[in-house]
Every structure is written in C-alpha cells, then in structure tokens.
Amino acid sequence: MKKTPQILTALLLGSAFASGVFAEEHRPNTPSAEYELEKVLIFSRHGLRSPVEKDPQEMAKYSPYAWAKWDVPSGHLTAKGTVLETYFGQYLGQWLADKGLLTTERCASGEGIFAYANGVQRTIATGQAIVSGAFAGCNVQLQHHGKIGSEKDPIFNTQAHNPSQALIESAKNNVDLTALQQKLAPNYALLSEIIDYKNSPNCLQKGECDLGGKVGEYSIKDGKSVKITGSISTGKKIVSALLLAHYVGKPDAEIANGRVDSQEKWRAI
C-alpha cells in the first residue's frame, strides 16, 4: 500500500559556490509505479545581481571605457533578478501542486515547507521572490541566520578549516593552471581587445599590459576562502561585469563601449 505523500520542501539559497550530493538505492526490477514522490530539495544560488565591488574604483583600472551603471548597490539582487526568480517560483509552485505536494491544507498551514537563505541581501531577496511566486497566499516565511549581512552563516561559509598539507597538494593537482593559461590565451587576447586593455590605467600607469600574462596560483589557507590568483581571477572579474550588464539588459553601448558586437565574442569571453 502506498504511503500518504509527505513533503519537506527545503529551499536553500547561498551566495557562495554550493553543490548537492544525493544518494539513491537503485532497484532496477521494481516498477516505477510503486514509487511515490515524498520530498523535494532545491539547492540554489541567488538570482541576477549587480557586480560585487568592494572598491567602486576597482574596475576603472582595467579599461579606458566607462563601465555600466547600476541602480542597486554592489552585489544586490536587481529588479530583473526579482522578476525572474518570481517566475521560477510560480513554475515551482505549479509543479508541486501538480505532483499533489502543495495542497490547499498545506498552503494554509505551511506544514512541511521550509525555505532558508544565506544572510546577505541578494540571497534573502532571491528567497523572498521564489517564496512569493511558489507559495503566494500560503503560510510560508523565509528563514535566515542573523541580521542581513551582519555575520556569516556557518551553513554557507566556504572557508577552509584545518586543511592538511596533503589535502592542499591534492587540490592543487586537480587543475593544471599552466595548461589552463595556455588554453585560454586566445580568450584573454580577445577580452583585452574588447576592453582596450592596452589603454587602461593598469597598462599606461603600471606597465601591466598583458591581461593573460599571470599564471594563477592557489591560495588555500586555514580560515580563508579558497582562491586562485593571477589572470584567471582578473579575467573572471571583468567577464562577470560584462555578462551581468548583458543579462540585466543594459544597452550595448554601455558594455565595453559597444565592442562585444557578436554572439561569437560573447561565447569566447
């Protein structure tokens, strides 16, 4: 006899890289009709945000062109991001209802539905948008740890904790940064051309004119986030700023002075 469906809808939203691992017991000889969906776990990052810039002048040193202006603070969810996450929530709510998991009774009580976000603006705003779309009119409240941005949530804290030297060396051996640098050389060259890096303050004032010239190094320290320095870090920062402006719908003229003028260039960077 089938069990009555029970749902634990957990919506976890993090601002750092996150991955989920799911274990299943495979029974190839058991008909699928004997299974019944009982629980749903959604593990997501935040929605479309503005670039994260600790120093407002940071990006100015990479290009003579003006960077896109944003109407929200650094790292905050954008208006378009809110709309997109609400759409996703509406789809999610319809899917849960179709599967018989979001009933009128469960909506009224909120029983078995749990939504939790990391304690920064973009993740909390993302969670609020998804909850409002998926559970409109339901007794569901988004949860988070502490005041917004006041302290790090240990659930989403990506710092290294007591890493052994063997673990550090193993991590460093997973990716050949020298080979990666060589592979990305054409992409760095294109990115440098697009942002006119040869006329940037970095090049003209500091003599740092080769955007792809610094092979990355791993930084894995106790109590710190794992990082890769060098051109790959700088390139990621620049590409992120360009892509976010593109995704949010900024005019082409505001993105690298209109120099990303084809889909081929977007794919390459």
C-alpha atoms as a PDB file:
ATOM      1  CA  MET A   1       0.000   0.000   0.000  1.00  0.00           C
ATOM      2  CA  LYS A   2       1.332   3.404  -0.902  1.00  0.00           C
ATOM      3  CA  LYS A   3       2.180   5.861   1.834  1.00  0.00           C
ATOM      4  CA  THR A   4       0.467   9.224   2.059  1.00  0.00           C
ATOM      5  CA  PRO A   5       2.797  11.744   0.409  1.00  0.00           C
ATOM      6  CA  GLN A   6       4.731  13.870   2.855  1.00  0.00           C
ATOM      7  CA  ILE A   7       6.758  16.847   1.735  1.00  0.00           C
ATOM      8  CA  LEU A   8       9.783  18.605   3.074  1.00  0.00           C
ATOM      9  CA  THR A   9      10.297  21.388   0.587  1.00  0.00           C
ATOM     10  CA  ALA A  10      13.661  22.845   1.508  1.00  0.00           C
ATOM     11  CA  LEU A  11      14.785  25.859  -0.460  1.00  0.00           C
ATOM     12  CA  LEU A  12      18.403  26.682   0.361  1.00  0.00           C
ATOM     13  CA  LEU A  13      19.907  29.792  -1.195  1.00  0.00           C
ATOM     14  CA  GLY A  14      23.626  30.501  -0.946  1.00  0.00           C
ATOM     15  CA  SER A  15      25.847  33.305  -2.149  1.00  0.00           C
ATOM     16  CA  ALA A  16      28.903  31.080  -2.481  1.00  0.00           C
ATOM     17  CA  PHE A  17      29.506  28.028  -4.623  1.00  0.00           C
ATOM     18  CA  ALA A  18      27.382  25.139  -3.491  1.00  0.00           C
ATOM     19  CA  SER A  19      26.805  21.579  -4.610  1.00  0.00           C
ATOM     20  CA  GLY A  20      24.401  18.854  -3.638  1.00  0.00           C
ATOM     21  CA  VAL A  21      25.037  15.136  -3.285  1.00  0.00           C
ATOM     22  CA  PHE A  22      22.112  12.756  -3.482  1.00  0.00           C
ATOM     23  CA  ALA A  23      22.214   9.016  -2.742  1.00  0.00           C
ATOM     24  CA  GLU A  24      19.705   6.640  -4.258  1.00  0.00           C
ATOM     25  CA  GLU A  25      19.043   2.979  -3.771  1.00  0.00           C
ATOM     26  CA  HIS A  26      18.693   1.512  -7.254  1.00  0.00           C
ATOM     27  CA  ARG A  27      16.145  -1.241  -7.685  1.00  0.00           C
ATOM     28  CA  PRO A  28      16.037  -1.927 -11.416  1.00  0.00           C
ATOM     29  CA  ASN A  29      13.438  -4.664 -11.064  1.00  0.00           C
ATOM     30  CA  THR A  30      10.978  -2.527  -9.113  1.00  0.00           C
ATOM     31  CA  PRO A  31       8.277  -0.913 -11.302  1.00  0.00           C
ATOM     32  CA  SER A  32       8.389   2.879 -11.145  1.00  0.00           C
ATOM     33  CA  ALA A  33       4.666   2.915 -10.422  1.00  0.00           C
ATOM     34  CA  GLU A  34       5.424   1.634  -6.929  1.00  0.00           C
ATOM     35  CA  TYR A  35       7.430   4.757  -6.119  1.00  0.00           C
ATOM     36  CA  GLU A  36       5.848   7.927  -4.863  1.00  0.00           C
ATOM     37  CA  LEU A  37       7.475  11.354  -4.599  1.00  0.00           C
ATOM     38  CA  GLU A  38       7.693  12.333  -0.934  1.00  0.00           C
ATOM     39  CA  LYS A  39      10.300  15.054  -0.583  1.00  0.00           C
ATOM     40  CA  VAL A  40      11.748  17.842  -2.700  1.00  0.00           C
ATOM     41  CA  LEU A  41      15.034  19.615  -2.040  1.00  0.00           C
ATOM     42  CA  ILE A  42      16.032  22.659  -4.058  1.00  0.00           C
ATOM     43  CA  PHE A  43      19.553  23.990  -3.556  1.00  0.00           C
ATOM     44  CA  SER A  44      20.148  27.199  -5.493  1.00  0.00           C
ATOM     45  CA  ARG A  45      22.333  30.234  -5.818  1.00  0.00           C
ATOM     46  CA  HIS A  46      20.968  33.763  -5.849  1.00  0.00           C
ATOM     47  CA  GLY A  47      19.401  35.428  -8.859  1.00  0.00           C
ATOM     48  CA  LEU A  48      20.677  38.151 -11.184  1.00  0.00           C
ATOM     49  CA  ARG A  49      22.708  40.616  -9.113  1.00  0.00           C
ATOM     50  CA  SER A  50      24.894  43.635  -9.683  1.00  0.00           C
ATOM     51  CA  PRO A  51      28.699  43.124  -9.673  1.00  0.00           C
ATOM     52  CA  VAL A  52      30.273  42.655  -6.257  1.00  0.00           C
ATOM     53  CA  GLU A  53      32.727  45.540  -5.864  1.00  0.00           C
ATOM     54  CA  LYS A  54      34.354  46.235  -2.529  1.00  0.00           C
ATOM     55  CA  ASP A  55      36.126  49.209  -4.120  1.00  0.00           C
ATOM     56  CA  PRO A  56      33.943  51.278  -6.516  1.00  0.00           C
ATOM     57  CA  GLN A  57      37.095  52.320  -8.393  1.00  0.00           C
ATOM     58  CA  GLU A  58      38.386  48.766  -8.842  1.00  0.00           C
ATOM     59  CA  MET A  59      37.037  48.184 -12.351  1.00  0.00           C
ATOM     60  CA  ALA A  60      38.179  51.557 -13.678  1.00  0.00           C
ATOM     61  CA  LYS A  61      41.800  50.403 -13.811  1.00  0.00           C
ATOM     62  CA  TYR A  62      41.068  47.673 -16.371  1.00  0.00           C
ATOM     63  CA  SER A  63      39.670  49.755 -19.222  1.00  0.00           C
ATOM     64  CA  PRO A  64      39.525  53.345 -20.504  1.00  0.00           C
ATOM     65  CA  TYR A  65      35.811  52.821 -21.158  1.00  0.00           C
ATOM     66  CA  ALA A  66      33.118  53.580 -18.602  1.00  0.00           C
ATOM     67  CA  TRP A  67      31.531  50.517 -17.005  1.00  0.00           C
ATOM     68  CA  ALA A  68      27.762  50.059 -16.858  1.00  0.00           C
ATOM     69  CA  LYS A  69      25.952  51.969 -14.113  1.00  0.00           C
ATOM     70  CA  TRP A  70      23.725  50.066 -11.704  1.00  0.00           C
ATOM     71  CA  ASP A  71      20.597  51.221  -9.874  1.00  0.00           C
ATOM     72  CA  VAL A  72      21.178  48.858  -6.936  1.00  0.00           C
ATOM     73  CA  PRO A  73      24.144  48.674  -4.513  1.00  0.00           C
ATOM     74  CA  SER A  74      27.082  46.349  -5.063  1.00  0.00           C
ATOM     75  CA  GLY A  75      26.103  42.678  -5.009  1.00  0.00           C
ATOM     76  CA  HIS A  76      22.363  43.281  -4.613  1.00  0.00           C
ATOM     77  CA  LEU A  77      19.610  41.441  -6.455  1.00  0.00           C
ATOM     78  CA  THR A  78      18.358  43.505  -9.390  1.00  0.00           C
ATOM     79  CA  ALA A  79      14.752  44.266 -10.315  1.00  0.00           C
ATOM     80  CA  LYS A  80      15.042  41.875 -13.262  1.00  0.00           C
ATOM     81  CA  GLY A  81      16.518  39.269 -10.931  1.00  0.00           C
ATOM     82  CA  THR A  82      13.464  39.608  -8.690  1.00  0.00           C
ATOM     83  CA  VAL A  83      11.101  39.140 -11.632  1.00  0.00           C
ATOM     84  CA  LEU A  84      12.980  36.093 -12.932  1.00  0.00           C
ATOM     85  CA  GLU A  85      13.059  34.412  -9.506  1.00  0.00           C
ATOM     86  CA  THR A  86       9.343  35.086  -9.051  1.00  0.00           C
ATOM     87  CA  TYR A  87       8.695  33.372 -12.406  1.00  0.00           C
ATOM     88  CA  PHE A  88      10.778  30.422 -11.246  1.00  0.00           C
ATOM     89  CA  GLY A  89       8.788  30.315  -8.022  1.00  0.00           C
ATOM     90  CA  GLN A  90       5.495  30.306  -9.925  1.00  0.00           C
ATOM     91  CA  TYR A  91       6.679  27.371 -12.021  1.00  0.00           C
ATOM     92  CA  LEU A  92       7.835  25.565  -8.876  1.00  0.00           C
ATOM     93  CA  GLY A  93       4.501  26.095  -7.130  1.00  0.00           C
ATOM     94  CA  GLN A  94       2.576  24.783 -10.125  1.00  0.00           C
ATOM     95  CA  TRP A  95       4.851  21.735 -10.341  1.00  0.00           C
ATOM     96  CA  LEU A  96       4.439  20.946  -6.631  1.00  0.00           C
ATOM     97  CA  ALA A  97       0.665  21.303  -6.946  1.00  0.00           C
ATOM     98  CA  ASP A  98       0.602  19.018  -9.999  1.00  0.00           C
ATOM     99  CA  LYS A  99       2.502  16.383  -8.011  1.00  0.00           C
ATOM    100  CA  GLY A 100      -0.007  16.625  -5.188  1.00  0.00           C
ATOM    101  CA  LEU A 101       2.531  18.041  -2.737  1.00  0.00           C
ATOM    102  CA  LEU A 102       1.219  21.592  -2.442  1.00  0.00           C
ATOM    103  CA  THR A 103      -2.346  21.148  -1.274  1.00  0.00           C
ATOM    104  CA  THR A 104      -4.807  23.735  -0.027  1.00  0.00           C
ATOM    105  CA  GLU A 105      -4.356  22.435   3.504  1.00  0.00           C
ATOM    106  CA  ARG A 106      -0.563  22.536   3.345  1.00  0.00           C
ATOM    107  CA  CYS A 107      -0.635  26.038   1.887  1.00  0.00           C
ATOM    108  CA  ALA A 108      -2.820  27.224   4.765  1.00  0.00           C
ATOM    109  CA  SER A 109      -0.679  25.624   7.467  1.00  0.00           C
ATOM    110  CA  GLY A 110       2.773  25.822   5.855  1.00  0.00           C
ATOM    111  CA  GLU A 111       3.485  22.422   7.422  1.00  0.00           C
ATOM    112  CA  GLY A 112       6.439  20.645   5.852  1.00  0.00           C
ATOM    113  CA  ILE A 113       7.572  23.642   3.808  1.00  0.00           C
ATOM    114  CA  PHE A 114      10.886  25.216   4.777  1.00  0.00           C
ATOM    115  CA  ALA A 115      12.740  27.977   2.954  1.00  0.00           C
ATOM    116  CA  TYR A 116      16.156  29.163   4.144  1.00  0.00           C
ATOM    117  CA  ALA A 117      18.618  31.702   2.715  1.00  0.00           C
ATOM    118  CA  ASN A 118      22.125  32.884   3.419  1.00  0.00           C
ATOM    119  CA  GLY A 119      22.147  36.165   5.332  1.00  0.00           C
ATOM    120  CA  VAL A 120      23.065  38.576   2.518  1.00  0.00           C
ATOM    121  CA  GLN A 121      20.732  40.826   0.581  1.00  0.00           C
ATOM    122  CA  ARG A 122      20.873  39.025  -2.772  1.00  0.00           C
ATOM    123  CA  THR A 123      20.104  35.588  -1.325  1.00  0.00           C
ATOM    124  CA  ILE A 124      17.363  36.795   1.002  1.00  0.00           C
ATOM    125  CA  ALA A 125      15.755  38.821  -1.802  1.00  0.00           C
ATOM    126  CA  THR A 126      16.002  35.791  -4.085  1.00  0.00           C
ATOM    127  CA  GLY A 127      14.336  33.598  -1.472  1.00  0.00           C
ATOM    128  CA  GLN A 128      11.565  36.123  -0.917  1.00  0.00           C
ATOM    129  CA  ALA A 129      10.871  36.267  -4.653  1.00  0.00           C
ATOM    130  CA  ILE A 130      10.758  32.479  -5.020  1.00  0.00           C
ATOM    131  CA  VAL A 131       8.545  32.064  -1.956  1.00  0.00           C
ATOM    132  CA  SER A 132       6.155  34.777  -3.148  1.00  0.00           C
ATOM    133  CA  GLY A 133       5.912  33.066  -6.541  1.00  0.00           C
ATOM    134  CA  ALA A 134       5.686  29.459  -5.363  1.00  0.00           C
ATOM    135  CA  PHE A 135       3.633  29.912  -2.215  1.00  0.00           C
ATOM    136  CA  ALA A 136       1.554  33.030  -2.856  1.00  0.00           C
ATOM    137  CA  GLY A 137      -1.070  33.345  -0.129  1.00  0.00           C
ATOM    138  CA  CYS A 138       0.426  30.447   1.827  1.00  0.00           C
ATOM    139  CA  ASN A 139       1.690  30.438   5.404  1.00  0.00           C
ATOM    140  CA  VAL A 140       5.367  30.201   4.382  1.00  0.00           C
ATOM    141  CA  GLN A 141       8.069  32.513   5.697  1.00  0.00           C
ATOM    142  CA  LEU A 142      11.670  32.713   4.518  1.00  0.00           C
ATOM    143  CA  GLN A 143      14.206  31.984   7.262  1.00  0.00           C
ATOM    144  CA  HIS A 144      17.791  33.234   7.574  1.00  0.00           C
ATOM    145  CA  HIS A 145      20.575  33.460  10.146  1.00  0.00           C
ATOM    146  CA  GLY A 146      21.129  36.767  11.978  1.00  0.00           C
ATOM    147  CA  LYS A 147      20.738  40.262  10.581  1.00  0.00           C
ATOM    148  CA  ILE A 148      21.244  40.820   6.882  1.00  0.00           C
ATOM    149  CA  GLY A 149      24.968  40.960   6.174  1.00  0.00           C
ATOM    150  CA  SER A 150      25.870  41.170   9.849  1.00  0.00           C
ATOM    151  CA  GLU A 151      27.533  37.787  10.274  1.00  0.00           C
ATOM    152  CA  LYS A 152      28.475  34.744   8.227  1.00  0.00           C
ATOM    153  CA  ASP A 153      26.093  31.819   8.248  1.00  0.00           C
ATOM    154  CA  PRO A 154      28.083  28.661   9.062  1.00  0.00           C
ATOM    155  CA  ILE A 155      25.869  26.671   6.672  1.00  0.00           C
ATOM    156  CA  PHE A 156      27.174  28.664   3.705  1.00  0.00           C
ATOM    157  CA  ASN A 157      30.646  29.511   4.985  1.00  0.00           C
ATOM    158  CA  THR A 158      33.137  28.321   2.357  1.00  0.00           C
ATOM    159  CA  GLN A 159      36.312  28.910   4.345  1.00  0.00           C
ATOM    160  CA  ALA A 160      38.938  26.182   4.612  1.00  0.00           C
ATOM    161  CA  HIS A 161      39.048  24.574   8.041  1.00  0.00           C
ATOM    162  CA  ASN A 162      42.272  22.953   9.245  1.00  0.00           C
ATOM    163  CA  PRO A 163      43.440  21.893   5.757  1.00  0.00           C
ATOM    164  CA  SER A 164      46.284  19.394   5.827  1.00  0.00           C
ATOM    165  CA  GLN A 165      49.247  19.822   3.503  1.00  0.00           C
ATOM    166  CA  ALA A 166      48.264  16.603   1.738  1.00  0.00           C
ATOM    167  CA  LEU A 167      44.777  17.987   1.078  1.00  0.00           C
ATOM    168  CA  ILE A 168      46.218  21.259  -0.202  1.00  0.00           C
ATOM    169  CA  GLU A 169      48.578  19.484  -2.589  1.00  0.00           C
ATOM    170  CA  SER A 170      45.790  17.200  -3.766  1.00  0.00           C
ATOM    171  CA  ALA A 171      43.574  20.210  -4.520  1.00  0.00           C
ATOM    172  CA  LYS A 172      46.362  21.956  -6.410  1.00  0.00           C
ATOM    173  CA  ASN A 173      46.961  18.863  -8.531  1.00  0.00           C
ATOM    174  CA  ASN A 174      43.345  18.728  -9.650  1.00  0.00           C
ATOM    175  CA  VAL A 175      43.818  21.535 -12.188  1.00  0.00           C
ATOM    176  CA  ASP A 176      46.924  22.347 -14.226  1.00  0.00           C
ATOM    177  CA  LEU A 177      46.836  26.142 -14.111  1.00  0.00           C
ATOM    178  CA  THR A 178      49.719  26.458 -16.583  1.00  0.00           C
ATOM    179  CA  ALA A 179      47.873  24.340 -19.153  1.00  0.00           C
ATOM    180  CA  LEU A 180      44.687  26.281 -18.467  1.00  0.00           C
ATOM    181  CA  GLN A 181      46.529  29.551 -19.042  1.00  0.00           C
ATOM    182  CA  GLN A 182      47.758  28.336 -22.427  1.00  0.00           C
ATOM    183  CA  LYS A 183      44.315  27.093 -23.411  1.00  0.00           C
ATOM    184  CA  LEU A 184      42.721  30.444 -22.559  1.00  0.00           C
ATOM    185  CA  ALA A 185      45.368  32.572 -24.303  1.00  0.00           C
ATOM    186  CA  PRO A 186      43.114  33.405 -27.321  1.00  0.00           C
ATOM    187  CA  ASN A 187      40.266  34.285 -24.971  1.00  0.00           C
ATOM    188  CA  TYR A 188      42.458  36.616 -22.910  1.00  0.00           C
ATOM    189  CA  ALA A 189      43.637  38.286 -26.122  1.00  0.00           C
ATOM    190  CA  LEU A 190      40.054  38.871 -27.272  1.00  0.00           C
ATOM    191  CA  LEU A 191      38.978  40.151 -23.861  1.00  0.00           C
ATOM    192  CA  SER A 192      41.959  42.521 -23.801  1.00  0.00           C
ATOM    193  CA  GLU A 193      40.980  43.861 -27.229  1.00  0.00           C
ATOM    194  CA  ILE A 194      37.326  44.279 -26.281  1.00  0.00           C
ATOM    195  CA  ILE A 195      38.027  46.375 -23.170  1.00  0.00           C
ATOM    196  CA  ASP A 196      41.020  48.137 -24.823  1.00  0.00           C
ATOM    197  CA  TYR A 197      43.298  46.967 -22.032  1.00  0.00           C
ATOM    198  CA  LYS A 198      46.405  48.448 -23.680  1.00  0.00           C
ATOM    199  CA  ASN A 199      44.976  51.910 -22.938  1.00  0.00           C
ATOM    200  CA  SER A 200      43.850  51.083 -19.400  1.00  0.00           C
ATOM    201  CA  PRO A 201      45.352  52.702 -16.279  1.00  0.00           C
ATOM    202  CA  ASN A 202      46.884  49.321 -15.407  1.00  0.00           C
ATOM    203  CA  CYS A 203      48.861  49.316 -18.646  1.00  0.00           C
ATOM    204  CA  LEU A 204      49.639  53.024 -19.035  1.00  0.00           C
ATOM    205  CA  GLN A 205      50.465  53.738 -15.398  1.00  0.00           C
ATOM    206  CA  LYS A 206      51.677  50.413 -14.013  1.00  0.00           C
ATOM    207  CA  GLY A 207      53.089  48.784 -17.144  1.00  0.00           C
ATOM    208  CA  GLU A 208      50.836  45.739 -16.664  1.00  0.00           C
ATOM    209  CA  CYS A 209      49.783  45.356 -20.280  1.00  0.00           C
ATOM    210  CA  ASP A 210      49.356  41.588 -20.703  1.00  0.00           C
ATOM    211  CA  LEU A 211      45.933  40.677 -19.346  1.00  0.00           C
ATOM    212  CA  GLY A 212      46.642  36.959 -19.689  1.00  0.00           C
ATOM    213  CA  GLY A 213      50.258  37.043 -18.573  1.00  0.00           C
ATOM    214  CA  LYS A 214      49.961  35.925 -14.955  1.00  0.00           C
ATOM    215  CA  VAL A 215      49.641  32.194 -14.352  1.00  0.00           C
ATOM    216  CA  GLY A 216      47.325  31.637 -11.421  1.00  0.00           C
ATOM    217  CA  GLU A 217      48.314  30.338  -8.017  1.00  0.00           C
ATOM    218  CA  TYR A 218      46.185  28.555  -5.461  1.00  0.00           C
ATOM    219  CA  SER A 219      45.585  30.183  -2.101  1.00  0.00           C
ATOM    220  CA  ILE A 220      44.346  27.646   0.445  1.00  0.00           C
ATOM    221  CA  LYS A 221      44.720  28.927   3.987  1.00  0.00           C
ATOM    222  CA  ASP A 222      43.066  27.995   7.243  1.00  0.00           C
ATOM    223  CA  GLY A 223      40.098  30.247   7.957  1.00  0.00           C
ATOM    224  CA  LYS A 224      40.162  31.778   4.465  1.00  0.00           C
ATOM    225  CA  SER A 225      38.173  31.143   1.317  1.00  0.00           C
ATOM    226  CA  VAL A 226      39.935  29.110  -1.355  1.00  0.00           C
ATOM    227  CA  LYS A 227      41.124  31.389  -4.156  1.00  0.00           C
ATOM    228  CA  ILE A 228      43.016  31.307  -7.427  1.00  0.00           C
ATOM    229  CA  THR A 229      45.023  34.430  -8.179  1.00  0.00           C
ATOM    230  CA  GLY A 230      46.518  35.719 -11.424  1.00  0.00           C
ATOM    231  CA  SER A 231      44.948  36.336 -14.822  1.00  0.00           C
ATOM    232  CA  ILE A 232      42.145  33.850 -14.252  1.00  0.00           C
ATOM    233  CA  SER A 233      40.950  35.853 -11.248  1.00  0.00           C
ATOM    234  CA  THR A 234      41.207  39.191 -13.051  1.00  0.00           C
ATOM    235  CA  GLY A 235      39.568  37.806 -16.171  1.00  0.00           C
ATOM    236  CA  LYS A 236      36.691  36.366 -14.159  1.00  0.00           C
ATOM    237  CA  LYS A 237      36.079  39.749 -12.551  1.00  0.00           C
ATOM    238  CA  ILE A 238      35.994  41.534 -15.909  1.00  0.00           C
ATOM    239  CA  VAL A 239      33.873  38.921 -17.675  1.00  0.00           C
ATOM    240  CA  SER A 240      31.428  38.851 -14.764  1.00  0.00           C
ATOM    241  CA  ALA A 241      30.912  42.619 -15.005  1.00  0.00           C
ATOM    242  CA  LEU A 242      30.291  42.370 -18.765  1.00  0.00           C
ATOM    243  CA  LEU A 243      27.943  39.394 -18.548  1.00  0.00           C
ATOM    244  CA  LEU A 244      25.869  40.780 -15.683  1.00  0.00           C
ATOM    245  CA  ALA A 245      25.353  44.034 -17.594  1.00  0.00           C
ATOM    246  CA  HIS A 246      24.317  41.998 -20.649  1.00  0.00           C
ATOM    247  CA  TYR A 247      21.943  39.748 -18.701  1.00  0.00           C
ATOM    248  CA  VAL A 248      20.234  42.638 -16.965  1.00  0.00           C
ATOM    249  CA  GLY A 249      19.581  44.306 -20.329  1.00  0.00           C
ATOM    250  CA  LYS A 250      21.998  47.220 -20.362  1.00  0.00           C
ATOM    251  CA  PRO A 251      22.325  48.908 -23.793  1.00  0.00           C
ATOM    252  CA  ASP A 252      25.176  47.540 -25.890  1.00  0.00           C
ATOM    253  CA  ALA A 253      26.824  50.972 -25.876  1.00  0.00           C
ATOM    254  CA  GLU A 254      27.220  50.727 -22.082  1.00  0.00           C
ATOM    255  CA  ILE A 255      29.039  47.400 -22.293  1.00  0.00           C
ATOM    256  CA  ALA A 256      32.716  47.850 -23.267  1.00  0.00           C
ATOM    257  CA  ASN A 257      31.752  50.806 -25.440  1.00  0.00           C
ATOM    258  CA  GLY A 258      29.672  48.509 -27.649  1.00  0.00           C
ATOM    259  CA  ARG A 259      32.635  46.340 -28.630  1.00  0.00           C
ATOM    260  CA  VAL A 260      31.051  42.993 -27.739  1.00  0.00           C
ATOM    261  CA  ASP A 261      29.187  43.021 -31.030  1.00  0.00           C
ATOM    262  CA  SER A 262      28.605  39.347 -31.813  1.00  0.00           C
ATOM    263  CA  GLN A 263      27.489  36.100 -30.201  1.00  0.00           C
ATOM    264  CA  GLU A 264      30.873  34.614 -31.077  1.00  0.00           C
ATOM    265  CA  LYS A 265      32.595  37.189 -28.873  1.00  0.00           C
ATOM    266  CA  TRP A 266      30.188  36.579 -26.011  1.00  0.00           C
ATOM    267  CA  ARG A 267      30.839  32.851 -26.185  1.00  0.00           C
ATOM    268  CA  ALA A 268      34.597  33.363 -26.319  1.00  0.00           C
ATOM    269  CA  ILE A 269      34.749  35.588 -23.245  1.00  0.00           C
END
